[in-house]
Amino acid sequence: MPTLSVAPALVDLGVGLVATARDIDDFSLDVGGGFNLAVKLMIGLLLLGIALDVRVEDLRSALRHPRVFVAVTAAQFVLVPLLTLGLVAALDLPPSVALGMLLVVSGPAGSMSNLLTHRARGDVALSVSLTTVSSSMAALVTPLALAFWAGLSPQASQVLDAVDLSPVEVLGEVLLLIVTPFALGILLARTRPTLAARIRPAVEPTVLVMLLLIVVGGLASNLRVGAPYLLDVGPAVVAQNALSLLVGAGVAVLCRVPARARRAITLETGVRNTALALVLALAFFPEYGGVALVCGLWGVWDVATGFALAAWWRRRPAEAAQAT
């Protein structure tokens, strides 16, 4: 019968698609040491600029609202990674893609959440406080979280075993990239407030533009090689991003906070520091281009969905949302 002759062809096609998906583990990025250094410097300057806005009051806010901070932290570092494990298993993703997804959600919230919360007419003070706490914890939590969650994933653990990654190495990289510039920014704001106030408005937008140009320029030569894998990575990234935002929205509802705070919590949980994840991917997993591809695509999609959500909220005053 005709259907019998079609069946083997469909089986061959399915095997071919799986083989293509698995080939992403053989894809490697060809970037020089100068690119890596430039990205690290830009991230350091970006975090220094963020720290210029940090006040002791932001950290004290965590003590006044411990329930919210504990809930958001648990959502960021426990619930979202746990759901990511389920997503990785359900989609049977290649090892490098699985590790890239877990790397993103093992990191802190992204500073972009503060800007998006402002555009969404959300609680910016709460957003800044949450980002401060998340970034302060990252030096210790990110290496441990990556080792723990990736160790629970059969796919991701294959890459960790292959590169023999030490959490101490990741800790050193995170300390250099996050803690040092963050501490310098806070110190500058406290000791030289006039200078800090003068340079604060220009640091973040300038660094963001430069970082974008460096990343796009550095990865442009790899675009032709990596483009065929975007369809393999895209659906998983979109699903994970949606899960992160939904978890944030759910936690905000459970915390019974006002509408403006719900917007901040949703964005704080859904927006991650993908620039940090990308640097770690390039530093420790250069032979597995799928890891960096996930981080890069996550960053682009994260910003796109964040701005779309913020624009929708901006047209709907928080007071109206609170009333409903």
Protein backbone atom coordinates (compact mmCIF):
# COMPACT_ATOMS: atom_id res chain seq x y z
CA MET A 1 0.00 0.00 0.00
CA PRO A 2 1.19 3.59 -0.58
CA THR A 3 1.12 4.38 3.12
CA LEU A 4 3.62 1.59 3.80
CA SER A 5 6.11 3.10 1.38
CA VAL A 6 5.72 6.53 2.94
CA ALA A 7 6.34 5.33 6.50
CA PRO A 8 10.05 4.53 6.09
CA ALA A 9 10.59 7.91 4.47
CA LEU A 10 8.96 9.64 7.44
CA VAL A 11 11.10 7.64 9.83
CA ASP A 12 14.24 8.60 7.89
CA LEU A 13 13.16 12.25 7.95
CA GLY A 14 12.63 12.15 11.71
CA VAL A 15 16.03 10.57 12.28
CA GLY A 16 17.59 13.21 10.06
CA LEU A 17 15.99 16.03 12.05
CA VAL A 18 17.19 14.56 15.33
CA ALA A 19 20.69 14.18 13.92
CA THR A 20 20.65 17.80 12.79
CA ALA A 21 19.56 18.92 16.26
CA ARG A 22 22.32 16.92 17.90
CA ASP A 23 24.94 18.45 15.58
CA ILE A 24 24.61 21.70 17.53
CA ASP A 25 26.87 20.13 20.15
CA ASP A 26 29.64 20.11 17.56
CA PHE A 27 29.17 23.80 16.74
CA SER A 28 31.86 26.03 18.25
CA LEU A 29 32.27 29.80 18.31
CA ASP A 30 35.38 31.37 16.86
CA VAL A 31 35.92 34.53 18.95
CA GLY A 32 39.23 35.98 20.02
CA GLY A 33 40.44 36.86 23.49
CA GLY A 34 39.98 40.56 22.71
CA PHE A 35 36.26 40.04 22.21
CA ASN A 36 35.93 38.27 25.54
CA LEU A 37 37.88 40.99 27.34
CA ALA A 38 35.83 43.77 25.74
CA VAL A 39 32.54 42.16 26.79
CA LYS A 40 33.82 41.69 30.35
CA LEU A 41 34.87 45.34 30.56
CA MET A 42 31.49 46.53 29.31
CA ILE A 43 29.61 44.34 31.81
CA GLY A 44 31.84 45.65 34.59
CA LEU A 45 31.13 49.26 33.62
CA LEU A 46 27.41 48.52 33.31
CA LEU A 47 27.28 47.05 36.82
CA LEU A 48 29.33 49.94 38.15
CA GLY A 49 26.75 52.31 36.67
CA ILE A 50 23.91 50.35 38.27
CA ALA A 51 25.67 50.40 41.63
CA LEU A 52 25.86 54.21 41.49
CA ASP A 53 22.08 54.17 42.01
CA VAL A 54 22.18 51.68 44.88
CA ARG A 55 21.44 53.09 48.29
CA VAL A 56 21.67 51.50 51.69
CA GLU A 57 17.92 52.04 51.82
CA ASP A 58 17.52 49.56 48.94
CA LEU A 59 19.12 46.81 51.00
CA ARG A 60 17.20 47.78 54.13
CA SER A 61 14.00 47.41 52.12
CA ALA A 62 14.67 43.68 51.95
CA LEU A 63 14.56 43.52 55.75
CA ARG A 64 11.24 45.37 55.83
CA HIS A 65 9.62 43.05 53.26
CA PRO A 66 11.28 39.67 53.84
CA ARG A 67 8.33 37.67 52.52
CA VAL A 68 8.53 39.26 49.06
CA PHE A 69 12.31 38.96 48.80
CA VAL A 70 12.36 35.33 49.94
CA ALA A 71 9.56 34.45 47.51
CA VAL A 72 11.20 36.17 44.53
CA THR A 73 14.63 34.70 45.32
CA ALA A 74 13.13 31.21 45.58
CA ALA A 75 11.34 31.73 42.27
CA GLN A 76 14.53 32.92 40.54
CA PHE A 77 16.96 30.30 41.80
CA VAL A 78 14.74 27.31 42.61
CA LEU A 79 11.35 27.25 40.88
CA VAL A 80 12.39 28.52 37.43
CA PRO A 81 15.46 26.20 37.22
CA LEU A 82 13.28 23.29 38.38
CA LEU A 83 10.74 23.98 35.64
CA THR A 84 13.63 24.36 33.19
CA LEU A 85 14.77 20.84 34.07
CA GLY A 86 11.31 19.58 33.19
CA LEU A 87 11.31 21.53 29.93
CA VAL A 88 14.74 20.17 28.98
CA ALA A 89 13.59 16.61 29.65
CA ALA A 90 10.25 17.05 27.87
CA LEU A 91 11.84 18.48 24.72
CA ASP A 92 14.83 16.07 24.89
CA LEU A 93 17.19 18.93 24.11
CA PRO A 94 20.83 18.51 23.06
CA PRO A 95 23.38 18.78 25.91
CA SER A 96 24.74 22.21 24.96
CA VAL A 97 21.24 23.70 24.66
CA ALA A 98 20.22 22.20 28.00
CA LEU A 99 23.29 23.64 29.70
CA GLY A 100 22.76 27.07 28.12
CA MET A 101 19.20 27.22 29.44
CA LEU A 102 20.30 26.23 32.95
CA LEU A 103 23.20 28.70 32.84
CA VAL A 104 20.83 31.58 32.11
CA VAL A 105 18.50 30.79 35.02
CA SER A 106 21.39 30.14 37.42
CA GLY A 107 22.39 33.79 37.14
CA PRO A 108 20.93 36.92 38.75
CA ALA A 109 18.24 39.20 37.43
CA GLY A 110 19.25 41.55 34.64
CA SER A 111 19.57 45.29 35.18
CA MET A 112 17.26 45.76 32.21
CA SER A 113 14.40 44.81 34.55
CA ASN A 114 14.77 48.19 36.28
CA LEU A 115 14.37 50.08 33.01
CA LEU A 116 11.46 47.90 31.92
CA THR A 117 9.74 48.32 35.29
CA HIS A 118 10.04 52.09 34.91
CA ARG A 119 8.51 51.93 31.42
CA ALA A 120 5.74 49.65 32.72
CA ARG A 121 4.87 52.20 35.46
CA GLY A 122 5.81 49.60 38.05
CA ASP A 123 7.47 49.84 41.45
CA VAL A 124 10.99 50.88 40.45
CA ALA A 125 12.26 51.07 44.04
CA LEU A 126 11.23 47.45 44.61
CA SER A 127 12.79 46.43 41.29
CA VAL A 128 16.12 48.06 42.17
CA SER A 129 16.07 46.44 45.62
CA LEU A 130 15.40 43.00 44.13
CA THR A 131 18.15 43.44 41.54
CA THR A 132 20.58 44.55 44.22
CA VAL A 133 19.88 41.49 46.35
CA SER A 134 20.00 39.15 43.35
CA SER A 135 23.29 40.57 42.07
CA SER A 136 24.82 40.53 45.54
CA MET A 137 23.98 36.83 45.90
CA ALA A 138 25.20 35.89 42.43
CA ALA A 139 28.87 35.47 43.33
CA LEU A 140 28.02 32.60 45.64
CA VAL A 141 24.74 31.31 44.23
CA THR A 142 25.45 31.21 40.47
CA PRO A 143 28.36 28.70 40.55
CA LEU A 144 26.57 26.47 43.05
CA ALA A 145 23.24 26.69 41.23
CA LEU A 146 24.81 25.84 37.88
CA ALA A 147 26.67 22.84 39.31
CA PHE A 148 23.56 21.63 41.15
CA TRP A 149 20.91 22.02 38.45
CA ALA A 150 23.14 20.93 35.57
CA GLY A 151 24.15 17.90 37.62
CA LEU A 152 20.49 16.87 37.79
CA SER A 153 20.11 17.04 34.00
CA PRO A 154 21.43 14.00 32.08
CA GLN A 155 21.94 16.21 29.01
CA ALA A 156 23.63 19.21 30.66
CA SER A 157 25.83 17.04 32.88
CA GLN A 158 27.43 15.55 29.75
CA VAL A 159 28.95 18.95 28.94
CA LEU A 160 30.03 19.59 32.53
CA ASP A 161 31.73 16.19 32.65
CA ALA A 162 33.43 16.82 29.31
CA VAL A 163 34.94 20.17 30.33
CA ASP A 164 35.59 19.19 33.95
CA LEU A 165 34.30 22.56 35.17
CA SER A 166 35.11 23.58 38.72
CA PRO A 167 32.58 25.76 40.61
CA VAL A 168 35.58 27.61 42.05
CA GLU A 169 36.53 28.79 38.54
CA VAL A 170 33.01 30.08 37.94
CA LEU A 171 33.05 31.74 41.36
CA GLY A 172 36.23 33.62 40.44
CA GLU A 173 34.75 34.77 37.13
CA VAL A 174 31.51 35.94 38.77
CA LEU A 175 33.43 37.74 41.53
CA LEU A 176 35.42 39.57 38.88
CA LEU A 177 32.43 40.40 36.69
CA ILE A 178 29.81 41.27 39.31
CA VAL A 179 31.08 41.80 42.85
CA THR A 180 34.14 43.95 42.08
CA PRO A 181 32.48 46.60 39.84
CA PHE A 182 29.34 46.53 42.00
CA ALA A 183 31.38 47.24 45.14
CA LEU A 184 33.37 49.97 43.38
CA GLY A 185 30.15 51.64 42.23
CA ILE A 186 28.68 51.65 45.74
CA LEU A 187 31.96 52.97 47.14
CA LEU A 188 32.12 55.75 44.55
CA ALA A 189 28.51 56.75 45.23
CA ARG A 190 29.19 57.00 48.97
CA THR A 191 32.58 58.73 48.84
CA ARG A 192 32.16 60.93 45.75
CA PRO A 193 28.41 61.57 45.46
CA THR A 194 28.85 64.67 43.25
CA LEU A 195 30.99 62.79 40.73
CA ALA A 196 28.64 59.81 40.85
CA ALA A 197 25.62 62.02 40.17
CA ARG A 198 27.43 63.62 37.21
CA ILE A 199 28.39 60.39 35.42
CA ARG A 200 25.38 58.25 36.41
CA PRO A 201 22.98 59.34 33.60
CA ALA A 202 25.51 58.61 30.84
CA VAL A 203 27.05 55.34 32.00
CA GLU A 204 24.25 52.83 31.46
CA PRO A 205 22.95 53.91 28.01
CA THR A 206 26.50 54.38 26.66
CA VAL A 207 27.68 51.00 27.92
CA LEU A 208 24.55 49.21 26.68
CA VAL A 209 25.07 50.57 23.16
CA MET A 210 28.78 49.69 23.19
CA LEU A 211 28.07 46.21 24.56
CA LEU A 212 25.50 45.60 21.84
CA LEU A 213 27.93 46.73 19.13
CA ILE A 214 30.74 44.54 20.53
CA VAL A 215 28.56 41.45 20.83
CA VAL A 216 26.97 41.87 17.40
CA GLY A 217 30.34 42.58 15.79
CA GLY A 218 32.08 39.71 17.56
CA LEU A 219 29.40 37.16 16.74
CA ALA A 220 28.73 38.33 13.19
CA SER A 221 31.41 36.04 11.78
CA ASN A 222 29.73 33.10 13.51
CA LEU A 223 26.21 33.99 12.37
CA ARG A 224 26.43 32.04 9.13
CA VAL A 225 27.52 28.91 10.98
CA GLY A 226 25.06 29.31 13.85
CA ALA A 227 21.99 30.41 11.86
CA PRO A 228 20.88 26.86 10.91
CA TYR A 229 20.57 26.02 14.62
CA LEU A 230 18.31 28.94 15.55
CA LEU A 231 15.17 26.92 14.84
CA ASP A 232 16.45 24.18 17.13
CA VAL A 233 17.12 26.63 19.96
CA GLY A 234 14.32 29.18 19.43
CA PRO A 235 11.24 27.27 20.63
CA ALA A 236 12.98 26.16 23.82
CA VAL A 237 14.13 29.72 24.59
CA VAL A 238 10.66 31.15 23.93
CA ALA A 239 9.05 28.51 26.18
CA GLN A 240 11.57 29.06 28.98
CA ASN A 241 11.17 32.84 28.84
CA ALA A 242 7.39 32.51 28.99
CA LEU A 243 7.67 30.15 31.97
CA SER A 244 9.91 32.63 33.79
CA LEU A 245 7.47 35.50 33.31
CA LEU A 246 4.50 33.34 34.32
CA VAL A 247 6.29 32.21 37.47
CA GLY A 248 7.02 35.84 38.32
CA ALA A 249 3.40 36.82 37.78
CA GLY A 250 2.21 33.88 39.89
CA VAL A 251 4.58 34.70 42.76
CA ALA A 252 3.47 38.34 42.66
CA VAL A 253 -0.18 37.30 42.99
CA LEU A 254 0.60 34.93 45.86
CA CYS A 255 2.48 37.71 47.68
CA ARG A 256 -0.65 39.87 47.49
CA VAL A 257 1.24 43.02 46.60
CA PRO A 258 -0.13 46.10 44.78
CA ALA A 259 -0.30 46.19 40.99
CA ARG A 260 2.86 48.26 40.59
CA ALA A 261 4.81 45.75 42.69
CA ARG A 262 3.34 42.84 40.69
CA ARG A 263 4.78 44.33 37.53
CA ALA A 264 8.21 44.71 39.14
CA ILE A 265 8.23 41.12 40.46
CA THR A 266 7.11 39.69 37.11
CA LEU A 267 9.88 41.47 35.21
CA GLU A 268 12.47 40.79 37.91
CA THR A 269 11.82 37.04 37.63
CA GLY A 270 11.56 36.96 33.85
CA VAL A 271 14.49 39.22 32.89
CA ARG A 272 17.91 37.61 33.43
CA ASN A 273 21.50 38.79 33.21
CA THR A 274 22.14 37.12 29.86
CA ALA A 275 25.27 39.22 29.27
CA LEU A 276 26.87 37.51 32.27
CA ALA A 277 25.66 34.13 31.03
CA LEU A 278 27.14 34.83 27.59
CA VAL A 279 30.54 35.73 29.05
CA LEU A 280 30.55 32.56 31.18
CA ALA A 281 29.55 30.52 28.13
CA LEU A 282 32.40 31.94 26.05
CA ALA A 283 34.89 31.62 28.91
CA PHE A 284 34.15 28.04 29.93
CA PHE A 285 32.30 26.38 27.04
CA PRO A 286 33.78 27.79 23.80
CA GLU A 287 33.78 24.33 22.19
CA TYR A 288 30.02 24.09 22.74
CA GLY A 289 28.61 26.94 20.68
CA GLY A 290 25.07 25.90 21.54
CA VAL A 291 25.55 27.22 25.09
CA ALA A 292 26.45 30.73 23.89
CA LEU A 293 23.77 30.58 21.18
CA VAL A 294 21.11 29.98 23.82
CA CYS A 295 22.43 32.85 25.98
CA GLY A 296 22.57 35.27 23.05
CA LEU A 297 19.11 34.38 21.74
CA TRP A 298 17.70 34.48 25.28
CA GLY A 299 19.00 38.02 25.68
CA VAL A 300 17.42 39.23 22.44
CA TRP A 301 14.07 37.54 23.09
CA ASP A 302 14.11 38.62 26.75
CA VAL A 303 14.44 42.28 25.79
CA ALA A 304 11.79 41.98 23.04
CA THR A 305 9.17 40.38 25.30
CA GLY A 306 10.09 42.68 28.18
CA PHE A 307 9.58 45.82 26.12
CA ALA A 308 6.33 44.45 24.66
CA LEU A 309 4.98 43.65 28.13
CA ALA A 310 6.13 47.01 29.50
CA ALA A 311 4.45 48.82 26.59
CA TRP A 312 1.18 46.97 27.26
CA TRP A 313 1.31 47.80 30.96
CA ARG A 314 2.24 51.42 30.23
CA ARG A 315 -1.08 51.87 28.42
CA ARG A 316 -2.90 50.43 31.42
CA PRO A 317 -2.41 52.49 34.59
CA ALA A 318 -1.54 50.43 37.65
CA GLU A 319 -4.43 52.01 39.55
CA ALA A 320 -6.88 50.60 37.01
CA ALA A 321 -5.26 47.18 37.21
CA GLN A 322 -5.44 47.33 41.01
CA ALA A 323 -9.14 48.16 40.86
CA THR A 324 -9.87 45.10 38.71
